[in-house]
Amino acid sequence: MYGIETIIDLQGCDTSRFNRKNIKQYFLQACKLLDVSPEDCYFWDDYRVPKEKRQTNPKTKGTTAIQFILTSNITIHTLDLLETVFINIFSCKDYNTELLEEFTVRFFGSSNHKVTLIERGD
């Protein structure tokens, strides 16, 4: 096996957590749980976008962010109007998937979630 990808789909989330400050905090705490070094972090959202050009579609209104880590990346897609978060965590370093799942559910205040694990490589 080369690595593990954890896919976490969260519903019924606390949308007050759907902002750059809290997402950055999620990334830093997740990196501690993964025992990896955070590298570059990028956001795509309506930050500093004129009001008339902001997203209004429930499938696109939210924040997308990627936190590169020394062993791969963590990607988040929040959907404000749907109170939903989609997270992908991939690392070639082994990690405790259950601990990361529990932390993620608590962090976003999810009332319902689904986790998919994928072993990457041979």
C-alpha atoms as a PDB file:
ATOM      1  CA  MET A   1       0.000   0.000   0.000  1.00  0.00           C
ATOM      2  CA  TYR A   2       1.252   3.473  -0.883  1.00  0.00           C
ATOM      3  CA  GLY A   3      -1.139   5.595   1.187  1.00  0.00           C
ATOM      4  CA  ILE A   4      -4.613   6.139   2.580  1.00  0.00           C
ATOM      5  CA  GLU A   5      -7.331   8.481   1.376  1.00  0.00           C
ATOM      6  CA  THR A   6     -10.099   9.297   3.821  1.00  0.00           C
ATOM      7  CA  ILE A   7     -13.227  10.803   2.290  1.00  0.00           C
ATOM      8  CA  ILE A   8     -15.568  12.388   4.827  1.00  0.00           C
ATOM      9  CA  ASP A   9     -19.010  13.687   3.827  1.00  0.00           C
ATOM     10  CA  LEU A  10     -20.657  15.748   6.580  1.00  0.00           C
ATOM     11  CA  GLN A  11     -24.266  16.941   6.705  1.00  0.00           C
ATOM     12  CA  GLY A  12     -26.112  19.111   9.215  1.00  0.00           C
ATOM     13  CA  CYS A  13     -22.995  21.122  10.027  1.00  0.00           C
ATOM     14  CA  ASP A  14     -22.480  24.319  11.993  1.00  0.00           C
ATOM     15  CA  THR A  15     -22.061  26.823   9.143  1.00  0.00           C
ATOM     16  CA  SER A  16     -20.440  29.372  11.456  1.00  0.00           C
ATOM     17  CA  ARG A  17     -17.325  27.185  11.044  1.00  0.00           C
ATOM     18  CA  PHE A  18     -17.351  27.733   7.252  1.00  0.00           C
ATOM     19  CA  ASN A  19     -14.837  30.568   7.113  1.00  0.00           C
ATOM     20  CA  ARG A  20     -11.143  30.925   6.367  1.00  0.00           C
ATOM     21  CA  LYS A  21     -10.088  31.334  10.004  1.00  0.00           C
ATOM     22  CA  ASN A  22     -11.844  28.168  11.193  1.00  0.00           C
ATOM     23  CA  ILE A  23     -10.881  26.125   8.147  1.00  0.00           C
ATOM     24  CA  LYS A  24      -7.230  27.099   8.657  1.00  0.00           C
ATOM     25  CA  GLN A  25      -7.582  26.017  12.308  1.00  0.00           C
ATOM     26  CA  TYR A  26      -9.075  22.701  11.145  1.00  0.00           C
ATOM     27  CA  PHE A  27      -6.107  22.177   8.838  1.00  0.00           C
ATOM     28  CA  LEU A  28      -3.564  22.890  11.587  1.00  0.00           C
ATOM     29  CA  GLN A  29      -5.269  20.566  14.075  1.00  0.00           C
ATOM     30  CA  ALA A  30      -5.673  17.833  11.448  1.00  0.00           C
ATOM     31  CA  CYS A  31      -1.963  18.111  10.628  1.00  0.00           C
ATOM     32  CA  LYS A  32      -1.165  17.570  14.307  1.00  0.00           C
ATOM     33  CA  LEU A  33      -3.353  14.441  14.345  1.00  0.00           C
ATOM     34  CA  LEU A  34      -1.670  13.226  11.160  1.00  0.00           C
ATOM     35  CA  ASP A  35       1.732  14.135  12.618  1.00  0.00           C
ATOM     36  CA  VAL A  36       2.704  15.943   9.412  1.00  0.00           C
ATOM     37  CA  SER A  37       4.007  19.385   8.534  1.00  0.00           C
ATOM     38  CA  PRO A  38       1.558  21.826   6.940  1.00  0.00           C
ATOM     39  CA  GLU A  39       2.889  23.414   3.767  1.00  0.00           C
ATOM     40  CA  ASP A  40       1.127  25.878   1.421  1.00  0.00           C
ATOM     41  CA  CYS A  41      -2.580  26.566   1.879  1.00  0.00           C
ATOM     42  CA  TYR A  42      -4.953  28.033  -0.737  1.00  0.00           C
ATOM     43  CA  PHE A  43      -8.574  29.203  -0.621  1.00  0.00           C
ATOM     44  CA  TRP A  44     -11.231  29.673  -3.321  1.00  0.00           C
ATOM     45  CA  ASP A  45     -14.345  31.519  -2.175  1.00  0.00           C
ATOM     46  CA  ASP A  46     -16.230  34.805  -2.379  1.00  0.00           C
ATOM     47  CA  TYR A  47     -13.757  36.636  -0.137  1.00  0.00           C
ATOM     48  CA  ARG A  48     -13.356  40.169  -1.504  1.00  0.00           C
ATOM     49  CA  VAL A  49     -15.646  39.382  -4.445  1.00  0.00           C
ATOM     50  CA  PRO A  50     -18.243  42.107  -5.203  1.00  0.00           C
ATOM     51  CA  LYS A  51     -21.660  41.144  -3.821  1.00  0.00           C
ATOM     52  CA  GLU A  52     -23.267  40.960  -7.278  1.00  0.00           C
ATOM     53  CA  LYS A  53     -20.644  38.410  -8.423  1.00  0.00           C
ATOM     54  CA  ARG A  54     -20.832  36.098  -5.402  1.00  0.00           C
ATOM     55  CA  GLN A  55     -22.059  32.530  -5.719  1.00  0.00           C
ATOM     56  CA  THR A  56     -25.738  31.887  -4.978  1.00  0.00           C
ATOM     57  CA  ASN A  57     -26.144  28.309  -6.230  1.00  0.00           C
ATOM     58  CA  PRO A  58     -26.391  25.849  -3.278  1.00  0.00           C
ATOM     59  CA  LYS A  59     -23.849  23.565  -5.034  1.00  0.00           C
ATOM     60  CA  THR A  60     -21.225  26.328  -5.354  1.00  0.00           C
ATOM     61  CA  LYS A  61     -21.803  28.805  -2.502  1.00  0.00           C
ATOM     62  CA  GLY A  62     -19.096  28.075   0.018  1.00  0.00           C
ATOM     63  CA  THR A  63     -15.374  27.771   0.490  1.00  0.00           C
ATOM     64  CA  THR A  64     -12.950  25.386  -1.135  1.00  0.00           C
ATOM     65  CA  ALA A  65      -9.502  25.082   0.388  1.00  0.00           C
ATOM     66  CA  ILE A  66      -6.477  22.881   0.024  1.00  0.00           C
ATOM     67  CA  GLN A  67      -3.778  22.374   2.616  1.00  0.00           C
ATOM     68  CA  PHE A  68      -0.694  20.773   1.172  1.00  0.00           C
ATOM     69  CA  ILE A  69       1.158  18.593   3.642  1.00  0.00           C
ATOM     70  CA  LEU A  70       4.578  17.069   3.363  1.00  0.00           C
ATOM     71  CA  THR A  71       2.984  13.703   2.539  1.00  0.00           C
ATOM     72  CA  SER A  72       0.157  14.951   0.224  1.00  0.00           C
ATOM     73  CA  ASN A  73      -2.925  17.130   0.951  1.00  0.00           C
ATOM     74  CA  ILE A  74      -6.196  17.863   2.721  1.00  0.00           C
ATOM     75  CA  THR A  75      -9.023  19.332   0.625  1.00  0.00           C
ATOM     76  CA  ILE A  76     -12.247  20.875   1.945  1.00  0.00           C
ATOM     77  CA  HIS A  77     -15.400  21.973   0.121  1.00  0.00           C
ATOM     78  CA  THR A  78     -18.012  23.712   2.294  1.00  0.00           C
ATOM     79  CA  LEU A  79     -21.519  24.333   1.001  1.00  0.00           C
ATOM     80  CA  ASP A  80     -23.089  27.063   3.123  1.00  0.00           C
ATOM     81  CA  LEU A  81     -26.699  26.727   1.990  1.00  0.00           C
ATOM     82  CA  LEU A  82     -26.677  22.927   2.276  1.00  0.00           C
ATOM     83  CA  GLU A  83     -24.857  22.862   5.668  1.00  0.00           C
ATOM     84  CA  THR A  84     -22.529  20.295   4.104  1.00  0.00           C
ATOM     85  CA  VAL A  85     -18.775  19.718   4.056  1.00  0.00           C
ATOM     86  CA  PHE A  86     -16.835  17.365   1.791  1.00  0.00           C
ATOM     87  CA  ILE A  87     -13.288  16.521   2.921  1.00  0.00           C
ATOM     88  CA  ASN A  88     -10.555  14.436   1.302  1.00  0.00           C
ATOM     89  CA  ILE A  89      -7.413  13.577   3.254  1.00  0.00           C
ATOM     90  CA  PHE A  90      -4.633  11.772   1.450  1.00  0.00           C
ATOM     91  CA  SER A  91      -1.281  10.835   2.922  1.00  0.00           C
ATOM     92  CA  CYS A  92       1.354   8.263   2.097  1.00  0.00           C
ATOM     93  CA  LYS A  93       2.137   8.283   5.831  1.00  0.00           C
ATOM     94  CA  ASP A  94      -0.045   5.921   7.863  1.00  0.00           C
ATOM     95  CA  TYR A  95      -2.529   7.643  10.200  1.00  0.00           C
ATOM     96  CA  ASN A  96      -5.392   6.873  12.549  1.00  0.00           C
ATOM     97  CA  THR A  97      -8.461   7.285  10.344  1.00  0.00           C
ATOM     98  CA  GLU A  98     -10.940   6.840  13.214  1.00  0.00           C
ATOM     99  CA  LEU A  99      -9.340   9.591  15.303  1.00  0.00           C
ATOM    100  CA  LEU A 100      -9.374  11.947  12.312  1.00  0.00           C
ATOM    101  CA  GLU A 101     -13.028  11.094  11.600  1.00  0.00           C
ATOM    102  CA  GLU A 102     -14.089  11.777  15.212  1.00  0.00           C
ATOM    103  CA  PHE A 103     -12.196  15.084  15.284  1.00  0.00           C
ATOM    104  CA  THR A 104     -13.688  16.203  11.952  1.00  0.00           C
ATOM    105  CA  VAL A 105     -17.278  15.401  12.954  1.00  0.00           C
ATOM    106  CA  ARG A 106     -16.857  17.310  16.243  1.00  0.00           C
ATOM    107  CA  PHE A 107     -15.081  20.265  14.613  1.00  0.00           C
ATOM    108  CA  PHE A 108     -17.864  20.912  12.105  1.00  0.00           C
ATOM    109  CA  GLY A 109     -20.711  19.909  14.452  1.00  0.00           C
ATOM    110  CA  SER A 110     -22.043  17.384  11.962  1.00  0.00           C
ATOM    111  CA  SER A 111     -25.325  15.623  12.751  1.00  0.00           C
ATOM    112  CA  ASN A 112     -24.781  12.989  10.030  1.00  0.00           C
ATOM    113  CA  HIS A 113     -21.701  11.775   8.201  1.00  0.00           C
ATOM    114  CA  LYS A 114     -20.299   9.094   5.923  1.00  0.00           C
ATOM    115  CA  VAL A 115     -16.673   7.972   5.635  1.00  0.00           C
ATOM    116  CA  THR A 116     -15.034   6.149   2.753  1.00  0.00           C
ATOM    117  CA  LEU A 117     -11.496   4.784   3.038  1.00  0.00           C
ATOM    118  CA  ILE A 118      -9.388   4.039   0.013  1.00  0.00           C
ATOM    119  CA  GLU A 119      -6.033   2.282   0.121  1.00  0.00           C
ATOM    120  CA  ARG A 120      -3.843   3.705  -2.640  1.00  0.00           C
ATOM    121  CA  GLY A 121      -1.176   1.760  -4.473  1.00  0.00           C
ATOM    122  CA  ASP A 122      -0.544  -1.954  -4.799  1.00  0.00           C
END
